[in-house]
């Protein structure tokens, strides 16, 4: 996903130039009127792997992309919140679930869509959960019942696989991976 083309400065509304600033290694959008450099950086997606007695909580998406597919509760991080706060907020918004957040579990770079996905381990506080506006359904799944062919995103599938591998090994680690574009 290429970065959007910017035409006007968000500070002063002057037209932008597209060139490499002195001392930089990339083309940037620059405002010659006020000197602002408009950096375009990846979006951060935060979420968690909510667990209850060995089963994981998944949400069935009520929005595009991937309407009707299953995912972990996650979404774009907001300004003025930590990654952990964002994961808690998204879990409450999408699954109506309250969790105790654990350690960061996976970080998946997805450069072809300019995103980084970060998932935390989490423990459900109780079984009071229900679909939020962006979910058709929420449910707990044991490993054998995970709808693997209906998982919405590769980052979620990888995170789920690593979680079950770590549980089987008896120790949870941190997993960082790079996701290449899907084959065409």
Foldseek 3Di string as FASTA:
>chain_A
DDDDDDAADPVPRHGWDWQADPPGDHTFTADPVPGDTDDDAFWEKAAEFEDDPQWTKWFQFCDDDLHRFIFGQMGTDDPPDDSVVRHQVSCCQAKVFGWDWDAWAEWEAEPVRRYIYIYTYIYTPDDPIFGHPGGPTMDIGHPVPPPLVRHRDPVRNVSVVLVVVCVVVVHGDHYYYYDYDDDD
